[in-house]
Amino acid sequence: MRAPANAIPVPLALRWSDQDANAHVNNATIVTLLEEARVRAAAALTGPVATDTYAHVVRSLEVQYEAELTYTDSIEARVWISRIGTTSYQVAHKLIQDGTSCVFATATLVLIDVSARRPIPLPEDLTERLSAHFTE
């Protein structure tokens, strides 16, 4: 899957220590890179990640490794919305190195009431923001 035109580009820096014994970026580090890309893109995608009344929490994360990701100065992530539900939405991510798509991942986030710790419906203004970056 290619990242759509409305995906948010997020440059990410790699550290020498991100490599493992096989000389590629460690799988656990890739999950951290995905999180970093999602958090950096959140301002455009959702606005505040948390308020006094609600928070966005990860319900699930699926990662597909398409090509080896090796140490370089930087890589680029592309982030977009791939599903909008009643109480949740899905964020799609691509990690790209030298023009090659290396990782595709989706994270389902649920909006919860902070005090009750229960899912709540997505507010209309949030749904509108998500829709601006939505592509199936």
N, C-alpha and C. Protein backbone atom coordinates (compact mmCIF):
# COMPACT_ATOMS: atom_id res chain seq x y z
N MET A 1 0.84 -1.19 0.00
CA MET A 1 0.00 0.00 0.00
C MET A 1 0.87 1.24 0.00
N ARG A 2 0.56 2.15 -0.88
CA ARG A 2 1.25 3.43 -0.94
C ARG A 2 0.60 4.40 0.03
N ALA A 3 1.40 5.31 0.55
CA ALA A 3 0.84 6.37 1.39
C ALA A 3 0.06 7.33 0.50
N PRO A 4 -1.13 7.74 0.90
CA PRO A 4 -1.93 8.64 0.07
C PRO A 4 -1.36 10.06 0.08
N ALA A 5 -1.85 10.87 -0.85
CA ALA A 5 -1.39 12.25 -0.98
C ALA A 5 -1.67 13.07 0.28
N ASN A 6 -2.73 12.73 1.03
CA ASN A 6 -3.07 13.51 2.22
C ASN A 6 -2.38 12.99 3.49
N ALA A 7 -1.43 12.06 3.33
CA ALA A 7 -0.66 11.58 4.49
C ALA A 7 0.25 12.69 5.00
N ILE A 8 0.49 12.67 6.28
CA ILE A 8 1.35 13.68 6.91
C ILE A 8 2.79 13.15 6.91
N PRO A 9 3.73 13.87 6.30
CA PRO A 9 5.13 13.43 6.33
C PRO A 9 5.77 13.80 7.66
N VAL A 10 6.49 12.85 8.25
CA VAL A 10 7.17 13.08 9.53
C VAL A 10 8.60 12.58 9.42
N PRO A 11 9.60 13.48 9.41
CA PRO A 11 10.99 13.02 9.38
C PRO A 11 11.37 12.46 10.76
N LEU A 12 12.10 11.35 10.74
CA LEU A 12 12.54 10.71 11.98
C LEU A 12 14.04 10.45 11.92
N ALA A 13 14.72 10.68 13.02
CA ALA A 13 16.16 10.41 13.10
C ALA A 13 16.39 9.04 13.72
N LEU A 14 17.38 8.34 13.19
CA LEU A 14 17.78 7.06 13.77
C LEU A 14 19.03 7.25 14.60
N ARG A 15 19.20 6.41 15.60
CA ARG A 15 20.40 6.41 16.43
C ARG A 15 21.20 5.15 16.12
N TRP A 16 22.50 5.23 16.29
CA TRP A 16 23.37 4.07 16.06
C TRP A 16 22.89 2.89 16.89
N SER A 17 22.43 3.13 18.10
CA SER A 17 21.99 2.06 19.00
C SER A 17 20.65 1.45 18.60
N ASP A 18 19.99 1.99 17.57
CA ASP A 18 18.72 1.42 17.11
C ASP A 18 18.92 0.10 16.36
N GLN A 19 20.16 -0.19 15.98
CA GLN A 19 20.47 -1.43 15.27
C GLN A 19 20.57 -2.61 16.23
N ASP A 20 20.34 -3.80 15.68
CA ASP A 20 20.55 -5.01 16.48
C ASP A 20 21.73 -5.80 15.90
N ALA A 21 21.92 -7.00 16.37
CA ALA A 21 23.06 -7.83 15.95
C ALA A 21 23.02 -8.18 14.46
N ASN A 22 21.86 -8.07 13.83
CA ASN A 22 21.73 -8.36 12.40
C ASN A 22 21.97 -7.12 11.54
N ALA A 23 22.36 -6.01 12.16
CA ALA A 23 22.66 -4.74 11.47
C ALA A 23 21.43 -4.11 10.82
N HIS A 24 20.26 -4.40 11.36
CA HIS A 24 19.07 -3.68 10.92
C HIS A 24 18.38 -3.10 12.15
N VAL A 25 17.46 -2.16 11.92
CA VAL A 25 16.78 -1.51 13.04
C VAL A 25 15.93 -2.55 13.76
N ASN A 26 16.10 -2.61 15.06
CA ASN A 26 15.43 -3.60 15.91
C ASN A 26 13.91 -3.45 15.84
N ASN A 27 13.20 -4.58 15.89
CA ASN A 27 11.73 -4.58 15.79
C ASN A 27 11.08 -3.73 16.89
N ALA A 28 11.60 -3.80 18.10
CA ALA A 28 11.03 -3.00 19.19
C ALA A 28 11.25 -1.51 18.93
N THR A 29 12.38 -1.16 18.35
CA THR A 29 12.65 0.23 18.00
C THR A 29 11.68 0.72 16.93
N ILE A 30 11.33 -0.16 16.00
CA ILE A 30 10.38 0.21 14.95
C ILE A 30 9.04 0.61 15.56
N VAL A 31 8.59 -0.12 16.58
CA VAL A 31 7.33 0.24 17.25
C VAL A 31 7.47 1.62 17.89
N THR A 32 8.61 1.93 18.46
CA THR A 32 8.84 3.26 19.04
C THR A 32 8.84 4.33 17.96
N LEU A 33 9.45 4.05 16.80
CA LEU A 33 9.44 5.01 15.70
C LEU A 33 8.02 5.27 15.21
N LEU A 34 7.21 4.22 15.13
CA LEU A 34 5.81 4.38 14.73
C LEU A 34 5.06 5.27 15.72
N GLU A 35 5.29 5.04 17.00
CA GLU A 35 4.66 5.87 18.03
C GLU A 35 5.09 7.33 17.89
N GLU A 36 6.39 7.55 17.69
CA GLU A 36 6.90 8.91 17.53
C GLU A 36 6.25 9.61 16.34
N ALA A 37 6.12 8.90 15.23
CA ALA A 37 5.49 9.47 14.04
C ALA A 37 4.02 9.81 14.32
N ARG A 38 3.33 8.90 15.00
CA ARG A 38 1.90 9.11 15.30
C ARG A 38 1.72 10.31 16.23
N VAL A 39 2.57 10.44 17.24
CA VAL A 39 2.46 11.55 18.19
C VAL A 39 2.78 12.87 17.50
N ARG A 40 3.81 12.88 16.65
CA ARG A 40 4.15 14.13 15.94
C ARG A 40 3.06 14.54 14.97
N ALA A 41 2.39 13.57 14.37
CA ALA A 41 1.31 13.87 13.42
C ALA A 41 0.01 14.23 14.13
N ALA A 42 -0.10 13.94 15.41
CA ALA A 42 -1.35 14.12 16.15
C ALA A 42 -1.87 15.56 16.10
N ALA A 43 -1.01 16.54 16.09
CA ALA A 43 -1.47 17.94 16.06
C ALA A 43 -2.35 18.18 14.84
N ALA A 44 -1.95 17.65 13.69
CA ALA A 44 -2.75 17.82 12.48
C ALA A 44 -3.92 16.85 12.43
N LEU A 45 -3.72 15.63 12.93
CA LEU A 45 -4.75 14.59 12.83
C LEU A 45 -5.90 14.79 13.81
N THR A 46 -5.56 15.07 15.07
CA THR A 46 -6.58 15.05 16.12
C THR A 46 -6.63 16.29 17.00
N GLY A 47 -5.62 17.11 16.95
CA GLY A 47 -5.53 18.18 17.94
C GLY A 47 -4.94 17.59 19.21
N PRO A 48 -5.28 18.09 20.39
CA PRO A 48 -4.69 17.59 21.64
C PRO A 48 -4.90 16.08 21.81
N VAL A 49 -3.83 15.39 22.21
CA VAL A 49 -3.90 13.95 22.43
C VAL A 49 -4.71 13.65 23.70
N ALA A 50 -4.70 14.57 24.64
CA ALA A 50 -5.48 14.40 25.87
C ALA A 50 -5.97 15.76 26.34
N THR A 51 -7.12 15.75 26.98
CA THR A 51 -7.68 16.96 27.60
C THR A 51 -8.07 16.57 29.03
N ASP A 52 -8.73 17.48 29.72
CA ASP A 52 -9.21 17.16 31.07
C ASP A 52 -10.33 16.12 31.05
N THR A 53 -10.98 15.96 29.89
CA THR A 53 -12.14 15.07 29.83
C THR A 53 -11.92 13.80 29.02
N TYR A 54 -11.03 13.81 28.02
CA TYR A 54 -10.83 12.60 27.23
C TYR A 54 -9.37 12.39 26.85
N ALA A 55 -9.06 11.15 26.44
CA ALA A 55 -7.72 10.79 25.98
C ALA A 55 -7.84 9.77 24.86
N HIS A 56 -6.83 9.71 24.02
CA HIS A 56 -6.75 8.73 22.93
C HIS A 56 -5.82 7.62 23.41
N VAL A 57 -6.28 6.39 23.43
CA VAL A 57 -5.44 5.28 23.89
C VAL A 57 -5.36 4.22 22.79
N VAL A 58 -4.20 3.57 22.70
CA VAL A 58 -3.99 2.53 21.68
C VAL A 58 -4.70 1.26 22.12
N ARG A 59 -5.56 0.76 21.24
CA ARG A 59 -6.28 -0.50 21.47
C ARG A 59 -5.55 -1.66 20.83
N SER A 60 -4.99 -1.44 19.64
CA SER A 60 -4.24 -2.49 18.96
C SER A 60 -3.22 -1.87 18.02
N LEU A 61 -2.21 -2.67 17.70
CA LEU A 61 -1.16 -2.25 16.77
C LEU A 61 -0.77 -3.46 15.94
N GLU A 62 -0.79 -3.30 14.62
CA GLU A 62 -0.37 -4.36 13.71
C GLU A 62 0.76 -3.82 12.85
N VAL A 63 1.86 -4.57 12.80
CA VAL A 63 3.05 -4.14 12.07
C VAL A 63 3.39 -5.17 11.00
N GLN A 64 3.61 -4.70 9.79
CA GLN A 64 4.03 -5.56 8.68
C GLN A 64 5.38 -5.06 8.18
N TYR A 65 6.35 -5.96 8.20
CA TYR A 65 7.70 -5.62 7.74
C TYR A 65 7.80 -5.94 6.26
N GLU A 66 8.05 -4.93 5.44
CA GLU A 66 8.09 -5.09 3.99
C GLU A 66 9.51 -5.18 3.45
N ALA A 67 10.43 -4.51 4.10
CA ALA A 67 11.84 -4.52 3.69
C ALA A 67 12.68 -4.19 4.92
N GLU A 68 13.92 -4.56 4.85
CA GLU A 68 14.83 -4.30 5.97
C GLU A 68 15.05 -2.80 6.12
N LEU A 69 15.02 -2.34 7.35
CA LEU A 69 15.30 -0.94 7.67
C LEU A 69 16.67 -0.92 8.32
N THR A 70 17.62 -0.20 7.69
CA THR A 70 18.99 -0.17 8.19
C THR A 70 19.32 1.23 8.72
N TYR A 71 20.44 1.30 9.43
CA TYR A 71 20.86 2.57 10.01
C TYR A 71 21.25 3.56 8.92
N THR A 72 20.63 4.73 8.96
CA THR A 72 21.01 5.91 8.18
C THR A 72 20.73 7.11 9.06
N ASP A 73 21.06 8.28 8.57
CA ASP A 73 20.82 9.48 9.37
C ASP A 73 19.35 9.69 9.66
N SER A 74 18.49 9.41 8.67
CA SER A 74 17.07 9.66 8.89
C SER A 74 16.22 8.80 7.97
N ILE A 75 14.96 8.70 8.35
CA ILE A 75 13.94 8.05 7.54
C ILE A 75 12.73 8.96 7.54
N GLU A 76 11.75 8.62 6.73
CA GLU A 76 10.52 9.41 6.74
C GLU A 76 9.34 8.50 7.06
N ALA A 77 8.47 9.00 7.88
CA ALA A 77 7.20 8.32 8.14
C ALA A 77 6.12 9.09 7.41
N ARG A 78 5.10 8.38 6.98
CA ARG A 78 3.89 8.99 6.43
C ARG A 78 2.75 8.46 7.27
N VAL A 79 1.87 9.34 7.72
CA VAL A 79 0.81 8.99 8.66
C VAL A 79 -0.53 9.50 8.12
N TRP A 80 -1.55 8.64 8.18
CA TRP A 80 -2.89 9.03 7.74
C TRP A 80 -3.94 8.22 8.49
N ILE A 81 -5.19 8.59 8.32
CA ILE A 81 -6.31 7.90 8.96
C ILE A 81 -6.89 6.91 7.97
N SER A 82 -7.03 5.64 8.39
CA SER A 82 -7.52 4.60 7.49
C SER A 82 -8.90 4.05 7.88
N ARG A 83 -9.41 4.46 9.03
CA ARG A 83 -10.77 4.07 9.42
C ARG A 83 -11.25 5.03 10.50
N ILE A 84 -12.52 5.38 10.43
CA ILE A 84 -13.15 6.22 11.46
C ILE A 84 -14.39 5.49 11.93
N GLY A 85 -14.46 5.19 13.22
CA GLY A 85 -15.60 4.50 13.81
C GLY A 85 -16.40 5.41 14.71
N THR A 86 -17.16 4.80 15.60
CA THR A 86 -17.99 5.56 16.54
C THR A 86 -17.19 6.06 17.74
N THR A 87 -16.38 5.16 18.32
CA THR A 87 -15.57 5.51 19.49
C THR A 87 -14.07 5.37 19.22
N SER A 88 -13.72 4.94 18.00
CA SER A 88 -12.32 4.70 17.69
C SER A 88 -12.00 5.10 16.25
N TYR A 89 -10.71 5.14 15.96
CA TYR A 89 -10.23 5.41 14.61
C TYR A 89 -8.91 4.68 14.43
N GLN A 90 -8.54 4.48 13.17
CA GLN A 90 -7.32 3.75 12.88
C GLN A 90 -6.32 4.68 12.18
N VAL A 91 -5.10 4.66 12.67
CA VAL A 91 -4.01 5.43 12.09
C VAL A 91 -3.12 4.47 11.31
N ALA A 92 -2.87 4.79 10.05
CA ALA A 92 -1.95 4.01 9.23
C ALA A 92 -0.61 4.72 9.17
N HIS A 93 0.46 3.94 9.13
CA HIS A 93 1.82 4.49 9.10
C HIS A 93 2.64 3.76 8.05
N LYS A 94 3.52 4.49 7.39
CA LYS A 94 4.53 3.93 6.51
C LYS A 94 5.87 4.45 6.98
N LEU A 95 6.87 3.59 7.08
CA LEU A 95 8.24 4.02 7.31
C LEU A 95 8.99 3.80 6.00
N ILE A 96 9.59 4.87 5.49
CA ILE A 96 10.21 4.86 4.17
C ILE A 96 11.68 5.24 4.30
N GLN A 97 12.53 4.43 3.64
CA GLN A 97 13.97 4.71 3.66
C GLN A 97 14.48 4.70 2.22
N ASP A 98 15.09 5.79 1.81
CA ASP A 98 15.64 5.91 0.45
C ASP A 98 14.62 5.54 -0.61
N GLY A 99 13.37 5.98 -0.44
CA GLY A 99 12.32 5.73 -1.40
C GLY A 99 11.69 4.35 -1.33
N THR A 100 12.15 3.51 -0.42
CA THR A 100 11.62 2.15 -0.28
C THR A 100 10.73 2.08 0.95
N SER A 101 9.53 1.54 0.77
CA SER A 101 8.63 1.32 1.90
C SER A 101 9.14 0.12 2.68
N CYS A 102 9.47 0.33 3.94
CA CYS A 102 10.04 -0.74 4.77
C CYS A 102 9.05 -1.32 5.77
N VAL A 103 8.16 -0.48 6.29
CA VAL A 103 7.21 -0.93 7.31
C VAL A 103 5.85 -0.29 7.04
N PHE A 104 4.80 -1.10 7.18
CA PHE A 104 3.43 -0.60 7.16
C PHE A 104 2.80 -1.04 8.47
N ALA A 105 2.11 -0.13 9.14
CA ALA A 105 1.48 -0.46 10.42
C ALA A 105 0.17 0.28 10.57
N THR A 106 -0.73 -0.33 11.33
CA THR A 106 -1.97 0.34 11.70
C THR A 106 -2.13 0.26 13.21
N ALA A 107 -2.60 1.35 13.78
CA ALA A 107 -2.89 1.42 15.21
C ALA A 107 -4.34 1.86 15.36
N THR A 108 -5.10 1.11 16.13
CA THR A 108 -6.47 1.51 16.44
C THR A 108 -6.45 2.25 17.76
N LEU A 109 -6.95 3.47 17.76
CA LEU A 109 -7.02 4.28 18.96
C LEU A 109 -8.47 4.47 19.37
N VAL A 110 -8.71 4.40 20.66
CA VAL A 110 -10.05 4.56 21.23
C VAL A 110 -10.05 5.85 22.04
N LEU A 111 -11.12 6.61 21.90
CA LEU A 111 -11.30 7.82 22.71
C LEU A 111 -11.97 7.41 24.01
N ILE A 112 -11.35 7.73 25.15
CA ILE A 112 -11.94 7.35 26.43
C ILE A 112 -12.20 8.57 27.30
N ASP A 113 -13.21 8.46 28.14
CA ASP A 113 -13.50 9.43 29.18
C ASP A 113 -12.42 9.26 30.25
N VAL A 114 -11.72 10.33 30.59
CA VAL A 114 -10.59 10.25 31.52
C VAL A 114 -11.02 9.77 32.90
N SER A 115 -12.12 10.26 33.41
CA SER A 115 -12.53 9.88 34.77
C SER A 115 -13.16 8.50 34.82
N ALA A 116 -13.98 8.15 33.84
CA ALA A 116 -14.65 6.84 33.85
C ALA A 116 -13.80 5.73 33.26
N ARG A 117 -12.76 6.11 32.48
CA ARG A 117 -11.88 5.14 31.80
C ARG A 117 -12.68 4.22 30.88
N ARG A 118 -13.69 4.77 30.23
CA ARG A 118 -14.57 4.03 29.32
C ARG A 118 -14.59 4.73 27.96
N PRO A 119 -14.80 3.98 26.88
CA PRO A 119 -14.90 4.60 25.56
C PRO A 119 -16.07 5.58 25.47
N ILE A 120 -15.85 6.63 24.70
CA ILE A 120 -16.89 7.63 24.44
C ILE A 120 -16.95 7.89 22.93
N PRO A 121 -18.08 8.36 22.43
CA PRO A 121 -18.18 8.67 21.00
C PRO A 121 -17.20 9.78 20.59
N LEU A 122 -16.69 9.67 19.36
CA LEU A 122 -15.82 10.71 18.83
C LEU A 122 -16.64 11.99 18.64
N PRO A 123 -16.19 13.12 19.18
CA PRO A 123 -16.92 14.38 18.96
C PRO A 123 -16.89 14.76 17.48
N GLU A 124 -17.87 15.52 17.06
CA GLU A 124 -18.01 15.91 15.65
C GLU A 124 -16.77 16.65 15.15
N ASP A 125 -16.21 17.56 15.96
CA ASP A 125 -15.03 18.31 15.51
C ASP A 125 -13.83 17.38 15.31
N LEU A 126 -13.69 16.35 16.13
CA LEU A 126 -12.60 15.39 15.97
C LEU A 126 -12.81 14.56 14.70
N THR A 127 -14.03 14.13 14.47
CA THR A 127 -14.34 13.37 13.26
C THR A 127 -14.02 14.18 12.01
N GLU A 128 -14.30 15.48 12.04
CA GLU A 128 -13.98 16.36 10.90
C GLU A 128 -12.48 16.44 10.68
N ARG A 129 -11.71 16.58 11.76
CA ARG A 129 -10.24 16.64 11.64
C ARG A 129 -9.70 15.34 11.07
N LEU A 130 -10.21 14.21 11.59
CA LEU A 130 -9.76 12.90 11.11
C LEU A 130 -10.09 12.73 9.64
N SER A 131 -11.26 13.20 9.24
CA SER A 131 -11.71 13.05 7.85
C SER A 131 -10.79 13.73 6.85
N ALA A 132 -10.14 14.81 7.27
CA ALA A 132 -9.23 15.53 6.38
C ALA A 132 -8.03 14.69 5.97
N HIS A 133 -7.70 13.67 6.76
CA HIS A 133 -6.55 12.81 6.48
C HIS A 133 -6.98 11.36 6.29
N PHE A 134 -8.25 11.16 5.96
CA PHE A 134 -8.78 9.81 5.79
C PHE A 134 -8.61 9.30 4.38
N THR A 135 -8.09 8.09 4.26
CA THR A 135 -8.00 7.37 3.00
C THR A 135 -8.07 5.89 3.33
N GLU A 136 -8.96 5.16 2.66
CA GLU A 136 -9.07 3.72 2.92
C GLU A 136 -7.91 2.99 2.30
